[in-house]
Amino acid sequence: MNDREGKIMIDLQDSQGAYPETTSVLETTDKLYIQSLHANSLAWLPAKQAALP
C-alpha cells in the first residue's frame, strides 16, 4: 500500500512465495480478498492482521 507520494506504507507480499503474483485485492470491512494470476485459490487476510490505516 502506498501513500499519495508513492511511499510504501504496508507491504503485504508473501515472503515465502506460496501465493505468487498477486494481481488484485478487494478490501471489505473485515477481510482483504487477494487474487493471483497463477494460484489455484482465492486468498484472504483478516483486515485487522493487515493493519491498514
PDB file of N, CA and C in Angstrom:
ATOM      1  N   MET A   1       0.849  -1.167   0.000  1.00  0.00           N
ATOM      2  CA  MET A   1       0.000   0.000   0.000  1.00  0.00           C
ATOM      3  C   MET A   1       0.894   1.230   0.000  1.00  0.00           C
ATOM      4  N   ASN A   2       0.608   2.169  -0.869  1.00  0.00           N
ATOM      5  CA  ASN A   2       1.398   3.387  -0.993  1.00  0.00           C
ATOM      6  C   ASN A   2       0.605   4.596  -0.527  1.00  0.00           C
ATOM      7  N   ASP A   3       1.349   5.631  -0.101  1.00  0.00           N
ATOM      8  CA  ASP A   3       0.685   6.890   0.208  1.00  0.00           C
ATOM      9  C   ASP A   3       0.598   7.726  -1.068  1.00  0.00           C
ATOM     10  N   ARG A   4       0.141   8.930  -0.960  1.00  0.00           N
ATOM     11  CA  ARG A   4      -0.070   9.770  -2.143  1.00  0.00           C
ATOM     12  C   ARG A   4       1.224  10.127  -2.872  1.00  0.00           C
ATOM     13  N   GLU A   5       2.332  10.101  -2.154  1.00  0.00           N
ATOM     14  CA  GLU A   5       3.623  10.405  -2.774  1.00  0.00           C
ATOM     15  C   GLU A   5       4.294   9.154  -3.339  1.00  0.00           C
ATOM     16  N   GLY A   6       3.671   7.985  -3.165  1.00  0.00           N
ATOM     17  CA  GLY A   6       4.221   6.740  -3.683  1.00  0.00           C
ATOM     18  C   GLY A   6       5.087   5.981  -2.695  1.00  0.00           C
ATOM     19  N   LYS A   7       5.215   6.481  -1.468  1.00  0.00           N
ATOM     20  CA  LYS A   7       5.999   5.804  -0.445  1.00  0.00           C
ATOM     21  C   LYS A   7       5.241   4.560   0.039  1.00  0.00           C
ATOM     22  N   ILE A   8       5.939   3.436   0.132  1.00  0.00           N
ATOM     23  CA  ILE A   8       5.321   2.190   0.599  1.00  0.00           C
ATOM     24  C   ILE A   8       5.016   2.317   2.083  1.00  0.00           C
ATOM     25  N   MET A   9       3.750   2.107   2.441  1.00  0.00           N
ATOM     26  CA  MET A   9       3.311   2.192   3.828  1.00  0.00           C
ATOM     27  C   MET A   9       3.167   0.794   4.440  1.00  0.00           C
ATOM     28  N   ILE A  10       2.653  -0.147   3.665  1.00  0.00           N
ATOM     29  CA  ILE A  10       2.415  -1.510   4.127  1.00  0.00           C
ATOM     30  C   ILE A  10       2.811  -2.460   3.009  1.00  0.00           C
ATOM     31  N   ASP A  11       3.568  -3.490   3.346  1.00  0.00           N
ATOM     32  CA  ASP A  11       3.987  -4.493   2.368  1.00  0.00           C
ATOM     33  C   ASP A  11       3.282  -5.805   2.704  1.00  0.00           C
ATOM     34  N   LEU A  12       2.382  -6.241   1.836  1.00  0.00           N
ATOM     35  CA  LEU A  12       1.620  -7.475   2.075  1.00  0.00           C
ATOM     36  C   LEU A  12       2.111  -8.630   1.210  1.00  0.00           C
ATOM     37  N   GLN A  13       3.318  -8.513   0.666  1.00  0.00           N
ATOM     38  CA  GLN A  13       3.848  -9.591  -0.164  1.00  0.00           C
ATOM     39  C   GLN A  13       4.055 -10.854   0.664  1.00  0.00           C
ATOM     40  N   ASP A  14       3.898 -11.992   0.026  1.00  0.00           N
ATOM     41  CA  ASP A  14       4.135 -13.285   0.657  1.00  0.00           C
ATOM     42  C   ASP A  14       5.625 -13.588   0.571  1.00  0.00           C
ATOM     43  N   SER A  15       6.343 -13.406   1.649  1.00  0.00           N
ATOM     44  CA  SER A  15       7.794 -13.605   1.647  1.00  0.00           C
ATOM     45  C   SER A  15       8.186 -15.059   1.396  1.00  0.00           C
ATOM     46  N   GLN A  16       7.258 -15.986   1.604  1.00  0.00           N
ATOM     47  CA  GLN A  16       7.512 -17.406   1.362  1.00  0.00           C
ATOM     48  C   GLN A  16       7.299 -17.779  -0.108  1.00  0.00           C
ATOM     49  N   GLY A  17       6.579 -16.937  -0.832  1.00  0.00           N
ATOM     50  CA  GLY A  17       6.309 -17.211  -2.240  1.00  0.00           C
ATOM     51  C   GLY A  17       5.227 -18.247  -2.468  1.00  0.00           C
ATOM     52  N   ALA A  18       4.450 -18.560  -1.440  1.00  0.00           N
ATOM     53  CA  ALA A  18       3.412 -19.588  -1.565  1.00  0.00           C
ATOM     54  C   ALA A  18       2.208 -19.111  -2.374  1.00  0.00           C
ATOM     55  N   TYR A  19       1.995 -17.810  -2.401  1.00  0.00           N
ATOM     56  CA  TYR A  19       0.876 -17.248  -3.160  1.00  0.00           C
ATOM     57  C   TYR A  19       1.463 -16.279  -4.182  1.00  0.00           C
ATOM     58  N   PRO A  20       1.730 -16.770  -5.386  1.00  0.00           N
ATOM     59  CA  PRO A  20       2.502 -15.990  -6.364  1.00  0.00           C
ATOM     60  C   PRO A  20       1.700 -14.941  -7.128  1.00  0.00           C
ATOM     61  N   GLU A  21       2.383 -13.913  -7.535  1.00  0.00           N
ATOM     62  CA  GLU A  21       1.889 -12.906  -8.474  1.00  0.00           C
ATOM     63  C   GLU A  21       0.490 -12.378  -8.145  1.00  0.00           C
ATOM     64  N   THR A  22       0.380 -11.673  -7.075  1.00  0.00           N
ATOM     65  CA  THR A  22      -0.886 -11.042  -6.718  1.00  0.00           C
ATOM     66  C   THR A  22      -1.276 -10.035  -7.786  1.00  0.00           C
ATOM     67  N   THR A  23      -2.504 -10.139  -8.250  1.00  0.00           N
ATOM     68  CA  THR A  23      -2.970  -9.259  -9.316  1.00  0.00           C
ATOM     69  C   THR A  23      -4.063  -8.299  -8.872  1.00  0.00           C
ATOM     70  N   SER A  24      -4.751  -8.602  -7.774  1.00  0.00           N
ATOM     71  CA  SER A  24      -5.772  -7.679  -7.293  1.00  0.00           C
ATOM     72  C   SER A  24      -6.111  -7.956  -5.840  1.00  0.00           C
ATOM     73  N   VAL A  25      -6.692  -6.942  -5.212  1.00  0.00           N
ATOM     74  CA  VAL A  25      -7.123  -7.042  -3.816  1.00  0.00           C
ATOM     75  C   VAL A  25      -8.466  -6.348  -3.688  1.00  0.00           C
ATOM     76  N   LEU A  26      -9.371  -6.978  -2.961  1.00  0.00           N
ATOM     77  CA  LEU A  26     -10.662  -6.367  -2.648  1.00  0.00           C
ATOM     78  C   LEU A  26     -10.720  -6.193  -1.143  1.00  0.00           C
ATOM     79  N   GLU A  27     -10.913  -4.976  -0.682  1.00  0.00           N
ATOM     80  CA  GLU A  27     -10.978  -4.684   0.746  1.00  0.00           C
ATOM     81  C   GLU A  27     -12.430  -4.590   1.180  1.00  0.00           C
ATOM     82  N   THR A  28     -12.811  -5.355   2.200  1.00  0.00           N
ATOM     83  CA  THR A  28     -14.123  -5.241   2.840  1.00  0.00           C
ATOM     84  C   THR A  28     -13.879  -4.785   4.274  1.00  0.00           C
ATOM     85  N   THR A  29     -14.927  -4.648   5.049  1.00  0.00           N
ATOM     86  CA  THR A  29     -14.758  -4.165   6.418  1.00  0.00           C
ATOM     87  C   THR A  29     -13.979  -5.136   7.299  1.00  0.00           C
ATOM     88  N   ASP A  30     -14.027  -6.434   6.992  1.00  0.00           N
ATOM     89  CA  ASP A  30     -13.354  -7.402   7.853  1.00  0.00           C
ATOM     90  C   ASP A  30     -12.245  -8.215   7.183  1.00  0.00           C
ATOM     91  N   LYS A  31     -12.146  -8.179   5.858  1.00  0.00           N
ATOM     92  CA  LYS A  31     -11.140  -9.001   5.172  1.00  0.00           C
ATOM     93  C   LYS A  31     -10.568  -8.302   3.945  1.00  0.00           C
ATOM     94  N   LEU A  32      -9.379  -8.768   3.566  1.00  0.00           N
ATOM     95  CA  LEU A  32      -8.809  -8.441   2.270  1.00  0.00           C
ATOM     96  C   LEU A  32      -8.853  -9.723   1.454  1.00  0.00           C
ATOM     97  N   TYR A  33      -9.483  -9.681   0.301  1.00  0.00           N
ATOM     98  CA  TYR A  33      -9.517 -10.823  -0.596  1.00  0.00           C
ATOM     99  C   TYR A  33      -8.443 -10.594  -1.646  1.00  0.00           C
ATOM    100  N   ILE A  34      -7.579 -11.593  -1.837  1.00  0.00           N
ATOM    101  CA  ILE A  34      -6.408 -11.441  -2.687  1.00  0.00           C
ATOM    102  C   ILE A  34      -6.486 -12.434  -3.838  1.00  0.00           C
ATOM    103  N   GLN A  35      -6.315 -11.924  -5.044  1.00  0.00           N
ATOM    104  CA  GLN A  35      -6.390 -12.751  -6.248  1.00  0.00           C
ATOM    105  C   GLN A  35      -5.012 -12.836  -6.888  1.00  0.00           C
ATOM    106  N   SER A  36      -4.712 -14.003  -7.431  1.00  0.00           N
ATOM    107  CA  SER A  36      -3.443 -14.229  -8.104  1.00  0.00           C
ATOM    108  C   SER A  36      -3.680 -14.776  -9.496  1.00  0.00           C
ATOM    109  N   LEU A  37      -2.785 -14.438 -10.377  1.00  0.00           N
ATOM    110  CA  LEU A  37      -2.864 -14.913 -11.747  1.00  0.00           C
ATOM    111  C   LEU A  37      -2.608 -16.416 -11.841  1.00  0.00           C
ATOM    112  N   HIS A  38      -1.790 -16.951 -10.932  1.00  0.00           N
ATOM    113  CA  HIS A  38      -1.358 -18.347 -11.044  1.00  0.00           C
ATOM    114  C   HIS A  38      -1.745 -19.248  -9.865  1.00  0.00           C
ATOM    115  N   ALA A  39      -2.345 -18.723  -8.823  1.00  0.00           N
ATOM    116  CA  ALA A  39      -2.734 -19.547  -7.677  1.00  0.00           C
ATOM    117  C   ALA A  39      -4.008 -20.320  -8.006  1.00  0.00           C
ATOM    118  N   ASN A  40      -4.195 -21.430  -7.325  1.00  0.00           N
ATOM    119  CA  ASN A  40      -5.372 -22.276  -7.531  1.00  0.00           C
ATOM    120  C   ASN A  40      -6.548 -21.882  -6.650  1.00  0.00           C
ATOM    121  N   SER A  41      -6.380 -20.842  -5.861  1.00  0.00           N
ATOM    122  CA  SER A  41      -7.428 -20.454  -4.923  1.00  0.00           C
ATOM    123  C   SER A  41      -7.443 -18.939  -4.737  1.00  0.00           C
ATOM    124  N   LEU A  42      -8.473 -18.479  -4.063  1.00  0.00           N
ATOM    125  CA  LEU A  42      -8.596 -17.081  -3.677  1.00  0.00           C
ATOM    126  C   LEU A  42      -8.111 -16.983  -2.237  1.00  0.00           C
ATOM    127  N   ALA A  43      -7.220 -16.071  -1.960  1.00  0.00           N
ATOM    128  CA  ALA A  43      -6.697 -15.925  -0.602  1.00  0.00           C
ATOM    129  C   ALA A  43      -7.440 -14.797   0.115  1.00  0.00           C
ATOM    130  N   TRP A  44      -7.415 -14.835   1.430  1.00  0.00           N
ATOM    131  CA  TRP A  44      -7.969 -13.735   2.206  1.00  0.00           C
ATOM    132  C   TRP A  44      -7.151 -13.557   3.462  1.00  0.00           C
ATOM    133  N   LEU A  45      -7.221 -12.368   3.993  1.00  0.00           N
ATOM    134  CA  LEU A  45      -6.467 -11.991   5.174  1.00  0.00           C
ATOM    135  C   LEU A  45      -7.384 -11.125   6.032  1.00  0.00           C
ATOM    136  N   PRO A  46      -7.456 -11.399   7.350  1.00  0.00           N
ATOM    137  CA  PRO A  46      -8.265 -10.517   8.191  1.00  0.00           C
ATOM    138  C   PRO A  46      -7.749  -9.086   8.105  1.00  0.00           C
ATOM    139  N   ALA A  47      -8.629  -8.143   7.940  1.00  0.00           N
ATOM    140  CA  ALA A  47      -8.243  -6.738   7.801  1.00  0.00           C
ATOM    141  C   ALA A  47      -7.429  -6.255   8.999  1.00  0.00           C
ATOM    142  N   LYS A  48      -7.765  -6.708  10.186  1.00  0.00           N
ATOM    143  CA  LYS A  48      -7.017  -6.302  11.376  1.00  0.00           C
ATOM    144  C   LYS A  48      -5.569  -6.784  11.317  1.00  0.00           C
ATOM    145  N   GLN A  49      -5.353  -7.970  10.766  1.00  0.00           N
ATOM    146  CA  GLN A  49      -3.996  -8.518  10.642  1.00  0.00           C
ATOM    147  C   GLN A  49      -3.182  -7.698   9.642  1.00  0.00           C
ATOM    148  N   ALA A  50      -3.822  -7.175   8.628  1.00  0.00           N
ATOM    149  CA  ALA A  50      -3.132  -6.363   7.626  1.00  0.00           C
ATOM    150  C   ALA A  50      -2.766  -4.994   8.190  1.00  0.00           C
ATOM    151  N   ALA A  51      -3.409  -4.575   9.268  1.00  0.00           N
ATOM    152  CA  ALA A  51      -3.147  -3.301   9.933  1.00  0.00           C
ATOM    153  C   ALA A  51      -3.233  -2.125   8.968  1.00  0.00           C
ATOM    154  N   LEU A  52      -4.292  -2.074   8.190  1.00  0.00           N
ATOM    155  CA  LEU A  52      -4.468  -0.987   7.244  1.00  0.00           C
ATOM    156  C   LEU A  52      -4.839   0.295   7.979  1.00  0.00           C
ATOM    157  N   PRO A  53      -4.325   1.435   7.496  1.00  0.00           N
ATOM    158  CA  PRO A  53      -4.647   2.700   8.158  1.00  0.00           C
ATOM    159  C   PRO A  53      -6.095   3.095   7.924  1.00  0.00           C
TER     160      PRO A  53
END
